[in-house]
Amino acid sequence: MRISTSQFYETSATNYSRTYSNVVKTGDEVASQVKLNTAGDDPVGAARVLQLQQMGTMLNQYNANISTINTGVVNTETAMTAITDAIQRAQELTLAAGNATFTDKDRQANAAELKQLQGQILGLMNSQDANGSYLFSGSKASTPPYVLNADGTYSYQGDQTRNMLDVGGGISMASNTTGWDAFEQAVNTTRTTSTLTSGADDGVISLSGGSVSNTATYDSKFTTGEPYKISFLSSTQYQILDKNGADVTGEASSTGQFSSSSAAGQAVTFRGLELNLNINLTDAQKATTTTADAAVKDHTFTLGVTPSSVSTARLPNNPSTTVITSSTVTDQAAFDKTFPNGGAVLRFTSATDFALYASPYDAATSKPVSTGTLSGTPVANQAVAAGVTFTVSGTPPAPVAGDQFTAQSSTQQTQNILNTLSNVITALNGKVDGDPVAAQKLRATLTSTIGNLQSASNQISDAVSDGGARSRTATDQGVTNQSMLDSGTTEASTITASDPVDAIARLTLQKTMLQASQMVFTQLSSLNLFSKL
């Protein structure tokens, strides 16, 4: 077999180039301690490393989300703990105000401190994080969760959205606590109302709306029979009829008997409700049983669940100056069924036509809950929507297309701490000295306030516990994530990291082969015809 000189040189050059390339590559591996630099070095290993890198990126994001959750828990827990401390002080002031030795001036001093506590609590409810986002507004992070309405009540402006973050494969967790969860679900112990419906309003009998002492009994029995009719038959006996006219007096304390002369005998317990009864007879009326009976009998009260209420506010950029002067729930069934829980927006589409939307309103996506046209007599100034009658100002009213009004509902079954404090502050600032009826109403308010403050404290405690549980679970998941991240790093290292001993041995062998290739080329290149002449 003959090999031409050109073939010999081409083959030798190719072999030398390949061997030199191997030396350079192995030299780089020895220097960098990395054996996988391109997918061509190890296609299978490169694919696995890519998978591990993607998993690592995902795990790092999970850990960042866990850090966000833990930071949020710390921020909200700090605010809620401070609120709980303020509630504790409010309870102390409320209890002290019930002291029989207190005068109007003493109670007003307590009211002043309660007002300061209310402002402190409002500021804490509107707490912001380091980025300026409100902690308790849900997904509406740029909106203050609590605002003071024109009617003096405080309403929640956030939503019920819990911002979910992924913390592991198929595992997501809330990163926030909403004001709805922390403050809006506190049970209102005073959610019933008594109204004198017959008999002279002469102050002889005062009956409070009562406070709920047993929620289970109240929900299962009281609400199914309301409204009730409480009729006083004499100075020692009353009768209770339910909505169907059935006599349920036997379920009341002392089966409807009371004492006109002793305050201790005037407490009424009925179907999970505690009512304060106050009989105020003059000496002449107390003179005989006949005169006492004549003064007390024929007074009749209705007792039932306090109807829901709605507060409204005009948007400052409305085209007209029209305002809503009142908003009343006139159809409780329709209200319960259709009025949005998170608030609503009443929007006029013309001078007479309107639509009610769930809040927040979005022109592109929102669909109306209810629509209608202004009605009423003698002038059409009422917008009736979702069981609520909104009364518009003006004679005639002059809304224009684009006018919007926010509407927040209160079912009376719950009450936030700010409104509870407003009620007791108003009561403590009233004149009570020398007025037994006012004193009885004050006692009822104080009893209600104590119950509501405790309810608010319990709800906040539940929210704190929920945050702690989320933080603990997130931290535990973070340990798992870190373990997976470390394992992935180790596995990737075994694929990409070079074995120094093996790499040096290969480099030595390849250098030897390169030197041998050079020597062979030199020797063989001299074996030609011309060198023999």
Protein backbone atom coordinates (compact mmCIF):
# COMPACT_ATOMS: atom_id res chain seq x y z
CA MET A 1 0.00 0.00 0.00
CA ARG A 2 1.43 3.31 -0.99
CA ILE A 3 0.85 6.55 0.96
CA SER A 4 1.50 9.79 -0.80
CA THR A 5 3.47 12.52 0.87
CA SER A 6 0.35 14.80 0.96
CA GLN A 7 -1.72 12.08 2.61
CA PHE A 8 0.95 11.56 5.22
CA TYR A 9 1.12 15.26 6.03
CA GLU A 10 -2.69 15.65 6.19
CA THR A 11 -3.13 12.61 8.47
CA SER A 12 -0.30 13.69 10.74
CA ALA A 13 -1.64 17.23 10.99
CA THR A 14 -5.17 15.97 11.84
CA ASN A 15 -3.89 13.64 14.55
CA TYR A 16 -1.68 16.35 15.99
CA SER A 17 -4.53 18.88 15.99
CA ARG A 18 -6.89 16.45 17.73
CA THR A 19 -4.33 15.54 20.35
CA TYR A 20 -3.44 19.20 20.92
CA SER A 21 -7.13 20.06 21.31
CA ASN A 22 -7.50 17.32 23.93
CA VAL A 23 -4.50 18.69 25.82
CA VAL A 24 -5.92 22.22 25.82
CA LYS A 25 -9.36 21.01 26.92
CA THR A 26 -8.00 18.86 29.71
CA GLY A 27 -5.68 21.67 30.75
CA ASP A 28 -8.64 23.98 31.08
CA GLU A 29 -10.46 21.31 33.14
CA VAL A 30 -7.46 20.99 35.48
CA ALA A 31 -7.26 24.78 35.85
CA SER A 32 -11.01 25.43 36.39
CA GLN A 33 -11.92 22.14 38.08
CA VAL A 34 -15.00 22.08 35.80
CA LYS A 35 -15.45 19.26 33.34
CA LEU A 36 -18.84 20.23 31.87
CA ASN A 37 -18.48 23.46 29.91
CA THR A 38 -20.74 22.73 26.93
CA ALA A 39 -23.59 20.33 26.28
CA GLY A 40 -21.30 18.45 23.94
CA ASP A 41 -19.05 17.48 26.86
CA ASP A 42 -21.87 15.38 28.41
CA PRO A 43 -25.32 15.72 26.76
CA VAL A 44 -27.14 13.67 29.41
CA GLY A 45 -25.35 15.39 32.26
CA ALA A 46 -25.96 18.84 30.72
CA ALA A 47 -29.71 18.14 30.52
CA ARG A 48 -29.77 17.10 34.17
CA VAL A 49 -27.80 20.16 35.26
CA LEU A 50 -30.29 22.37 33.43
CA GLN A 51 -33.14 20.69 35.28
CA LEU A 52 -31.37 21.20 38.58
CA GLN A 53 -30.73 24.87 37.78
CA GLN A 54 -34.42 25.41 36.98
CA MET A 55 -35.39 23.66 40.19
CA GLY A 56 -32.93 25.83 42.12
CA THR A 57 -34.40 29.03 40.65
CA MET A 58 -37.88 27.89 41.62
CA LEU A 59 -36.78 26.93 45.16
CA ASN A 60 -35.05 30.28 45.61
CA GLN A 61 -38.31 32.01 44.62
CA TYR A 62 -40.21 29.84 47.10
CA ASN A 63 -37.78 30.88 49.83
CA ALA A 64 -38.18 34.55 48.87
CA ASN A 65 -41.98 34.12 49.14
CA ILE A 66 -41.55 32.51 52.55
CA SER A 67 -39.50 35.51 53.65
CA THR A 68 -42.29 37.81 52.43
CA ILE A 69 -44.89 35.80 54.37
CA ASN A 70 -42.84 35.86 57.57
CA THR A 71 -42.22 39.59 57.27
CA GLY A 72 -45.94 40.20 56.76
CA VAL A 73 -46.79 38.07 59.78
CA VAL A 74 -44.35 40.01 61.96
CA ASN A 75 -45.72 43.38 60.79
CA THR A 76 -49.38 42.48 61.25
CA GLU A 77 -48.79 40.72 64.57
CA THR A 78 -46.98 43.78 65.91
CA ALA A 79 -49.93 46.01 64.96
CA MET A 80 -52.54 43.59 66.30
CA THR A 81 -50.71 43.12 69.58
CA ALA A 82 -50.68 46.89 70.07
CA ILE A 83 -54.41 47.00 69.25
CA THR A 84 -55.08 44.27 71.81
CA ASP A 85 -53.24 46.29 74.46
CA ALA A 86 -55.37 49.32 73.61
CA ILE A 87 -58.54 47.20 73.83
CA GLN A 88 -57.47 46.01 77.27
CA ARG A 89 -57.19 49.60 78.45
CA ALA A 90 -60.58 50.40 76.86
CA GLN A 91 -62.13 47.53 78.82
CA GLU A 92 -60.69 48.91 82.05
CA LEU A 93 -62.10 52.38 81.34
CA THR A 94 -65.51 50.98 80.40
CA LEU A 95 -65.75 48.88 83.55
CA ALA A 96 -64.69 51.84 85.68
CA ALA A 97 -67.39 54.02 84.09
CA GLY A 98 -70.01 51.68 85.54
CA ASN A 99 -68.96 52.57 89.07
CA ALA A 100 -71.98 53.89 91.00
CA THR A 101 -69.87 56.69 92.47
CA PHE A 102 -68.91 58.11 89.08
CA THR A 103 -70.34 61.47 88.07
CA ASP A 104 -70.92 62.83 84.58
CA LYS A 105 -67.55 64.57 84.81
CA ASP A 106 -65.78 61.31 85.70
CA ARG A 107 -67.41 59.51 82.80
CA GLN A 108 -66.50 62.31 80.42
CA ALA A 109 -62.85 61.96 81.47
CA ASN A 110 -63.02 58.26 80.60
CA ALA A 111 -64.66 59.14 77.29
CA ALA A 112 -61.78 61.49 76.46
CA GLU A 113 -59.21 58.76 77.03
CA LEU A 114 -61.31 56.30 75.03
CA LYS A 115 -61.33 58.81 72.17
CA GLN A 116 -57.52 58.88 72.24
CA LEU A 117 -57.43 55.07 72.25
CA GLN A 118 -59.81 55.05 69.28
CA GLY A 119 -57.44 57.29 67.31
CA GLN A 120 -54.51 55.06 68.24
CA ILE A 121 -56.37 51.94 67.14
CA LEU A 122 -57.41 53.58 63.85
CA GLY A 123 -53.77 54.41 63.13
CA LEU A 124 -52.74 50.82 63.85
CA MET A 125 -55.50 49.42 61.65
CA ASN A 126 -54.17 51.64 58.86
CA SER A 127 -50.57 50.48 59.38
CA GLN A 128 -48.28 50.34 56.35
CA ASP A 129 -45.22 48.26 55.54
CA ALA A 130 -41.80 49.53 54.44
CA ASN A 131 -43.08 49.90 50.86
CA GLY A 132 -46.05 52.03 51.91
CA SER A 133 -48.62 49.27 51.33
CA TYR A 134 -51.47 49.03 53.84
CA LEU A 135 -51.22 45.80 55.84
CA PHE A 136 -54.93 45.11 56.31
CA SER A 137 -56.46 46.21 52.96
CA GLY A 138 -56.31 42.84 51.23
CA SER A 139 -55.47 43.25 47.55
CA LYS A 140 -56.20 47.03 47.70
CA ALA A 141 -52.78 47.76 49.16
CA SER A 142 -52.86 51.45 48.23
CA THR A 143 -56.24 52.08 49.92
CA PRO A 144 -56.46 52.90 53.65
CA PRO A 145 -58.52 50.04 55.11
CA TYR A 146 -60.52 52.21 57.54
CA VAL A 147 -62.09 55.62 57.01
CA LEU A 148 -64.43 57.87 58.97
CA ASN A 149 -67.77 58.31 57.21
CA ALA A 150 -69.85 61.47 57.15
CA ASP A 151 -72.30 59.93 59.66
CA GLY A 152 -69.55 59.36 62.22
CA THR A 153 -69.19 55.62 61.66
CA TYR A 154 -66.04 53.84 60.54
CA SER A 155 -66.13 51.47 57.60
CA TYR A 156 -63.75 48.99 56.00
CA GLN A 157 -62.52 50.04 52.54
CA GLY A 158 -60.32 47.03 51.78
CA ASP A 159 -61.44 43.68 50.42
CA GLN A 160 -61.42 40.07 51.58
CA THR A 161 -58.65 38.95 49.21
CA ARG A 162 -55.78 37.02 50.72
CA ASN A 163 -52.67 37.36 48.57
CA MET A 164 -51.47 33.81 47.91
CA LEU A 165 -47.81 32.98 47.33
CA ASP A 166 -46.29 29.64 46.31
CA VAL A 167 -43.97 28.24 48.97
CA GLY A 168 -43.46 24.73 47.58
CA GLY A 169 -44.56 22.36 44.87
CA GLY A 170 -48.36 22.64 44.84
CA ILE A 171 -48.32 24.57 48.14
CA SER A 172 -49.52 28.16 48.39
CA MET A 173 -50.06 30.32 51.45
CA ALA A 174 -51.57 33.72 52.29
CA SER A 175 -49.02 36.47 52.75
CA ASN A 176 -51.42 38.91 54.41
CA THR A 177 -54.15 39.30 57.02
CA THR A 178 -57.13 41.33 55.87
CA GLY A 179 -59.01 43.80 58.01
CA TRP A 180 -62.11 41.76 57.24
CA ASP A 181 -60.59 38.73 58.96
CA ALA A 182 -58.97 40.62 61.85
CA PHE A 183 -61.55 43.28 62.73
CA GLU A 184 -64.81 43.00 60.79
CA GLN A 185 -66.08 39.65 62.08
CA ALA A 186 -66.15 40.55 65.77
CA VAL A 187 -69.58 39.47 67.03
CA ASN A 188 -71.83 42.34 68.04
CA THR A 189 -73.44 41.35 71.33
CA THR A 190 -76.00 44.15 70.93
CA ARG A 191 -77.79 43.33 67.73
CA THR A 192 -81.40 43.52 68.87
CA THR A 193 -83.67 46.52 69.38
CA SER A 194 -86.71 47.10 71.61
CA THR A 195 -89.24 49.74 70.62
CA LEU A 196 -92.22 51.04 72.57
CA THR A 197 -95.24 50.47 70.32
CA SER A 198 -98.15 51.23 72.65
CA GLY A 199 -98.66 52.99 75.95
CA ALA A 200 -97.44 56.39 77.00
CA ASP A 201 -93.75 57.15 76.61
CA ASP A 202 -93.71 58.42 80.18
CA GLY A 203 -90.44 56.89 81.36
CA VAL A 204 -92.21 54.47 83.69
CA ILE A 205 -90.79 51.48 81.82
CA SER A 206 -87.46 51.32 80.04
CA LEU A 207 -86.46 48.12 78.23
CA SER A 208 -83.05 47.80 76.62
CA GLY A 209 -82.45 46.07 73.32
CA GLY A 210 -80.41 43.50 75.25
CA SER A 211 -77.08 41.83 74.65
CA VAL A 212 -76.41 38.31 73.43
CA SER A 213 -75.19 36.09 76.25
CA ASN A 214 -75.50 32.73 74.47
CA THR A 215 -74.87 32.87 70.73
CA ALA A 216 -75.98 29.29 70.03
CA THR A 217 -79.34 29.75 71.77
CA TYR A 218 -79.80 33.17 70.23
CA ASP A 219 -79.17 31.86 66.70
CA SER A 220 -81.29 28.73 67.07
CA LYS A 221 -84.23 30.12 69.04
CA PHE A 222 -84.41 33.90 69.24
CA THR A 223 -83.94 34.66 65.54
CA THR A 224 -86.53 32.08 64.47
CA GLY A 225 -89.29 33.72 66.53
CA GLU A 226 -88.55 37.43 66.14
CA PRO A 227 -90.02 40.00 66.19
CA TYR A 228 -91.51 39.52 69.64
CA LYS A 229 -94.25 41.45 71.40
CA ILE A 230 -93.61 42.13 75.09
CA SER A 231 -96.72 43.33 76.90
CA PHE A 232 -96.78 44.41 80.56
CA LEU A 233 -99.91 43.05 82.20
CA SER A 234 -99.31 44.43 85.67
CA SER A 235 -96.59 45.79 87.92
CA THR A 236 -95.24 42.24 88.40
CA GLN A 237 -95.98 40.34 85.17
CA TYR A 238 -95.24 40.64 81.47
CA GLN A 239 -96.09 38.42 78.51
CA ILE A 240 -93.97 37.57 75.44
CA LEU A 241 -95.55 36.53 72.13
CA ASP A 242 -93.49 35.42 69.13
CA LYS A 243 -94.08 36.49 65.53
CA ASN A 244 -96.82 33.87 65.16
CA GLY A 245 -98.62 34.99 68.31
CA ALA A 246 -97.52 31.99 70.38
CA ASP A 247 -96.98 32.65 74.09
CA VAL A 248 -93.29 31.98 74.87
CA THR A 249 -93.20 33.74 78.25
CA GLY A 250 -92.27 30.45 79.91
CA GLU A 251 -88.81 30.65 78.31
CA ALA A 252 -88.06 33.97 80.01
CA SER A 253 -86.45 34.25 83.42
CA SER A 254 -88.94 33.87 86.30
CA THR A 255 -91.57 33.04 83.64
CA GLY A 256 -92.37 36.68 83.10
CA GLN A 257 -92.46 37.83 86.71
CA PHE A 258 -90.50 40.85 87.92
CA SER A 259 -90.35 43.31 90.79
CA SER A 260 -91.34 46.94 90.38
CA SER A 261 -89.51 47.98 93.51
CA SER A 262 -86.18 46.15 93.25
CA ALA A 263 -83.63 46.56 90.47
CA ALA A 264 -82.32 43.08 91.27
CA GLY A 265 -85.66 41.63 90.22
CA GLN A 266 -85.83 43.43 86.90
CA ALA A 267 -83.23 41.49 84.86
CA VAL A 268 -84.70 39.54 81.95
CA THR A 269 -83.07 36.55 80.28
CA PHE A 270 -84.77 35.21 77.17
CA ARG A 271 -83.55 32.85 74.42
CA GLY A 272 -79.85 33.69 74.75
CA LEU A 273 -80.52 37.39 75.29
CA GLU A 274 -80.10 39.49 78.42
CA LEU A 275 -82.29 42.59 78.67
CA ASN A 276 -82.24 45.38 81.21
CA LEU A 277 -85.68 46.30 82.51
CA ASN A 278 -86.03 49.49 84.51
CA ILE A 279 -89.28 50.37 86.31
CA ASN A 280 -89.46 53.99 87.50
CA LEU A 281 -92.54 54.57 89.67
CA THR A 282 -93.27 57.69 91.68
CA ASP A 283 -94.10 57.41 95.36
CA ALA A 284 -97.76 57.93 94.53
CA GLN A 285 -97.70 55.12 91.96
CA LYS A 286 -95.98 52.83 94.44
CA ALA A 287 -98.59 53.53 97.12
CA THR A 288 -100.80 50.54 96.30
CA THR A 289 -100.74 47.53 94.00
CA THR A 290 -103.66 49.01 92.10
CA THR A 291 -101.86 52.28 91.34
CA ALA A 292 -98.65 50.42 90.44
CA ASP A 293 -100.52 48.10 88.09
CA ALA A 294 -102.28 51.01 86.47
CA ALA A 295 -98.99 52.81 85.86
CA VAL A 296 -97.22 49.79 84.34
CA LYS A 297 -99.82 47.87 82.37
CA ASP A 298 -100.67 48.56 78.74
CA HIS A 299 -97.02 49.33 77.88
CA THR A 300 -96.03 47.17 74.92
CA PHE A 301 -92.65 46.77 73.23
CA THR A 302 -91.51 45.00 70.10
CA LEU A 303 -88.18 43.18 70.31
CA GLY A 304 -86.30 42.00 67.26
CA VAL A 305 -83.03 41.84 65.37
CA THR A 306 -81.70 45.31 64.56
CA PRO A 307 -82.13 45.87 60.82
CA SER A 308 -79.10 46.24 58.62
CA SER A 309 -77.81 49.71 57.82
CA VAL A 310 -75.94 51.31 54.92
CA SER A 311 -73.60 54.29 54.98
CA THR A 312 -72.76 56.22 51.81
CA ALA A 313 -70.14 58.68 50.65
CA ARG A 314 -69.91 60.91 47.58
CA LEU A 315 -66.83 60.61 45.38
CA PRO A 316 -64.97 63.94 45.37
CA ASN A 317 -64.59 64.04 41.57
CA ASN A 318 -68.31 63.66 40.81
CA PRO A 319 -69.52 65.96 38.00
CA SER A 320 -72.38 67.35 40.15
CA THR A 321 -72.72 68.42 43.77
CA THR A 322 -75.54 65.96 44.46
CA VAL A 323 -75.29 64.00 47.71
CA ILE A 324 -77.22 61.11 49.23
CA THR A 325 -78.92 62.35 52.38
CA SER A 326 -80.03 58.95 53.68
CA SER A 327 -79.80 55.28 52.86
CA THR A 328 -82.20 52.82 54.49
CA VAL A 329 -82.67 49.08 54.18
CA THR A 330 -86.32 48.80 53.17
CA ASP A 331 -86.34 45.16 52.01
CA GLN A 332 -84.22 43.00 54.31
CA ALA A 333 -84.71 39.83 52.25
CA ALA A 334 -83.58 41.53 49.03
CA PHE A 335 -80.73 43.18 50.89
CA ASP A 336 -79.48 39.89 52.34
CA LYS A 337 -79.71 38.23 48.94
CA THR A 338 -78.24 40.82 46.58
CA PHE A 339 -76.34 43.61 48.36
CA PRO A 340 -72.57 43.01 47.87
CA ASN A 341 -70.80 42.00 51.10
CA GLY A 342 -67.69 43.98 50.25
CA GLY A 343 -69.55 47.22 49.58
CA ALA A 344 -71.15 48.73 46.51
CA VAL A 345 -70.97 51.66 44.12
CA LEU A 346 -74.14 53.48 43.09
CA ARG A 347 -73.52 55.05 39.68
CA PHE A 348 -75.84 57.34 37.73
CA THR A 349 -75.95 56.79 33.98
CA SER A 350 -78.22 59.80 33.42
CA ALA A 351 -80.11 62.36 35.49
CA THR A 352 -82.65 59.69 36.48
CA ASP A 353 -81.16 56.27 35.67
CA PHE A 354 -78.76 54.45 37.97
CA ALA A 355 -77.02 51.11 38.48
CA LEU A 356 -75.58 49.45 41.59
CA TYR A 357 -72.26 47.60 41.24
CA ALA A 358 -70.14 45.50 43.57
CA SER A 359 -67.13 47.45 44.79
CA PRO A 360 -64.65 48.19 43.29
CA TYR A 361 -66.27 49.44 40.10
CA ASP A 362 -64.48 48.82 36.81
CA ALA A 363 -65.99 50.35 33.68
CA ALA A 364 -64.72 47.53 31.47
CA THR A 365 -65.64 44.47 33.53
CA SER A 366 -68.19 45.35 36.24
CA LYS A 367 -71.76 44.16 35.77
CA PRO A 368 -74.64 45.81 37.67
CA VAL A 369 -76.22 44.07 40.64
CA SER A 370 -79.35 46.19 40.24
CA THR A 371 -80.59 48.96 37.94
CA GLY A 372 -83.47 51.41 38.08
CA THR A 373 -84.88 54.90 37.70
CA LEU A 374 -85.41 57.53 40.38
CA SER A 375 -88.85 57.31 41.95
CA GLY A 376 -90.75 58.81 44.88
CA THR A 377 -93.52 61.24 45.83
CA PRO A 378 -93.93 64.17 45.52
CA VAL A 379 -90.60 64.30 43.72
CA ALA A 380 -88.59 61.44 42.23
CA ASN A 381 -85.60 61.49 44.55
CA GLN A 382 -85.19 57.87 45.63
CA ALA A 383 -83.00 55.19 44.10
CA VAL A 384 -84.16 51.75 45.22
CA ALA A 385 -81.56 49.04 44.64
CA ALA A 386 -80.75 45.67 46.30
CA GLY A 387 -83.25 46.28 49.09
CA VAL A 388 -81.86 49.74 49.93
CA THR A 389 -83.58 53.08 49.39
CA PHE A 390 -81.11 55.89 48.69
CA THR A 391 -82.52 59.42 49.05
CA VAL A 392 -80.88 61.95 46.72
CA SER A 393 -80.63 65.65 47.60
CA GLY A 394 -82.30 68.44 45.69
CA THR A 395 -85.86 69.42 44.71
CA PRO A 396 -85.78 68.23 42.10
CA PRO A 397 -82.55 66.23 42.51
CA ALA A 398 -79.91 66.97 39.92
CA PRO A 399 -77.51 64.04 39.54
CA VAL A 400 -75.71 63.73 36.22
CA ALA A 401 -74.25 60.83 34.30
CA GLY A 402 -71.01 59.74 35.97
CA ASP A 403 -71.99 60.61 39.56
CA GLN A 404 -70.83 57.82 41.86
CA PHE A 405 -71.43 57.05 45.53
CA THR A 406 -69.81 54.34 47.64
CA ALA A 407 -72.07 52.31 49.94
CA GLN A 408 -70.96 50.18 52.87
CA SER A 409 -73.32 47.84 54.69
CA SER A 410 -73.52 46.82 58.32
CA THR A 411 -75.59 43.79 59.24
CA GLN A 412 -75.51 44.57 63.00
CA GLN A 413 -74.47 40.97 63.58
CA THR A 414 -70.87 42.16 63.69
CA GLN A 415 -69.29 45.45 64.71
CA ASN A 416 -65.73 46.64 64.37
CA ILE A 417 -63.91 47.99 67.40
CA LEU A 418 -63.96 51.59 66.15
CA ASN A 419 -67.75 51.74 66.02
CA THR A 420 -68.02 50.01 69.39
CA LEU A 421 -65.83 52.73 70.89
CA SER A 422 -67.85 55.48 69.18
CA ASN A 423 -71.02 54.17 70.81
CA VAL A 424 -69.60 54.05 74.32
CA ILE A 425 -67.89 57.45 73.95
CA THR A 426 -71.23 59.01 72.98
CA ALA A 427 -72.96 57.33 75.93
CA LEU A 428 -70.31 58.45 78.43
CA ASN A 429 -70.50 62.04 77.22
CA GLY A 430 -74.27 62.12 77.81
CA LYS A 431 -75.99 63.53 80.89
CA VAL A 432 -76.81 60.74 83.33
CA ASP A 433 -76.72 62.22 86.84
CA GLY A 434 -80.20 62.32 88.33
CA ASP A 435 -81.82 60.59 85.34
CA PRO A 436 -82.67 56.91 86.10
CA VAL A 437 -83.73 56.19 82.51
CA ALA A 438 -80.46 57.56 81.14
CA ALA A 439 -78.59 55.55 83.78
CA GLN A 440 -80.36 52.38 82.68
CA LYS A 441 -79.49 53.05 79.04
CA LEU A 442 -75.88 53.72 80.01
CA ARG A 443 -75.65 50.41 81.86
CA ALA A 444 -76.98 48.64 78.79
CA THR A 445 -74.38 50.38 76.60
CA LEU A 446 -71.56 49.53 79.00
CA THR A 447 -72.63 45.88 79.11
CA SER A 448 -72.77 45.79 75.33
CA THR A 449 -69.38 47.49 75.03
CA ILE A 450 -67.68 45.01 77.37
CA GLY A 451 -69.06 42.13 75.31
CA ASN A 452 -68.04 43.72 72.02
CA LEU A 453 -64.56 44.59 73.25
CA GLN A 454 -64.03 41.00 74.32
CA SER A 455 -65.38 39.77 70.99
CA ALA A 456 -62.99 42.10 69.12
CA SER A 457 -60.08 40.92 71.25
CA ASN A 458 -60.99 37.28 70.54
CA GLN A 459 -61.13 37.89 66.80
CA ILE A 460 -57.74 39.59 66.82
CA SER A 461 -56.35 36.71 68.87
CA ASP A 462 -57.64 34.28 66.22
CA ALA A 463 -56.00 36.37 63.49
CA VAL A 464 -52.70 36.40 65.38
CA SER A 465 -52.88 32.61 65.79
CA ASP A 466 -53.61 32.20 62.09
CA GLY A 467 -50.58 34.31 61.22
CA GLY A 468 -48.37 32.35 63.60
CA ALA A 469 -49.54 29.06 62.10
CA ARG A 470 -48.83 30.33 58.58
CA SER A 471 -45.37 31.52 59.59
CA ARG A 472 -44.53 28.23 61.26
CA THR A 473 -45.76 26.20 58.28
CA ALA A 474 -43.91 28.46 55.83
CA THR A 475 -40.69 28.18 57.86
CA ASP A 476 -40.95 24.39 57.96
CA GLN A 477 -41.48 24.35 54.21
CA GLY A 478 -38.44 26.60 53.86
CA VAL A 479 -36.32 23.94 55.62
CA THR A 480 -37.57 21.36 53.12
CA ASN A 481 -36.88 23.73 50.22
CA GLN A 482 -33.34 24.40 51.44
CA SER A 483 -32.67 20.68 51.80
CA MET A 484 -33.79 20.13 48.20
CA LEU A 485 -31.73 23.10 47.07
CA ASP A 486 -28.60 21.73 48.78
CA SER A 487 -29.18 18.26 47.32
CA GLY A 488 -29.57 19.73 43.85
CA THR A 489 -26.38 21.75 44.24
CA THR A 490 -24.50 18.64 45.33
CA GLU A 491 -25.83 16.58 42.42
CA ALA A 492 -25.01 19.31 39.90
CA SER A 493 -21.52 19.53 41.34
CA THR A 494 -20.93 15.83 40.81
CA ILE A 495 -21.85 16.29 37.15
CA THR A 496 -19.92 19.48 36.46
CA ALA A 497 -16.98 19.27 38.87
CA SER A 498 -13.77 17.67 37.67
CA ASP A 499 -11.89 14.86 39.45
CA PRO A 500 -8.39 16.41 39.90
CA VAL A 501 -6.52 13.08 39.95
CA ASP A 502 -8.26 11.75 36.84
CA ALA A 503 -7.89 15.06 34.99
CA ILE A 504 -4.14 15.37 35.75
CA ALA A 505 -3.55 11.75 34.71
CA ARG A 506 -5.36 12.33 31.43
CA LEU A 507 -3.49 15.57 30.84
CA THR A 508 -0.16 13.81 31.40
CA LEU A 509 -1.13 11.01 29.02
CA GLN A 510 -2.35 13.44 26.38
CA LYS A 511 0.81 15.53 26.61
CA THR A 512 2.90 12.36 26.21
CA MET A 513 0.82 11.37 23.18
CA LEU A 514 1.29 14.86 21.76
CA GLN A 515 5.07 14.64 22.18
CA ALA A 516 5.09 11.16 20.65
CA SER A 517 3.05 12.42 17.74
CA GLN A 518 5.56 15.20 17.17
CA MET A 519 8.52 12.75 17.25
CA VAL A 520 6.83 10.31 14.89
CA PHE A 521 6.04 13.10 12.48
CA THR A 522 9.64 14.28 12.54
CA GLN A 523 11.05 10.79 11.95
CA LEU A 524 8.65 9.82 9.22
CA SER A 525 8.97 13.11 7.39
CA SER A 526 12.66 12.31 6.79
CA LEU A 527 11.81 8.99 5.07
CA ASN A 528 11.56 10.21 1.49
CA LEU A 529 13.44 9.56 -1.78
CA PHE A 530 15.18 12.89 -1.80
CA SER A 531 16.83 12.26 1.55
CA LYS A 532 18.50 9.14 0.07
CA LEU A 533 20.12 10.83 -2.96
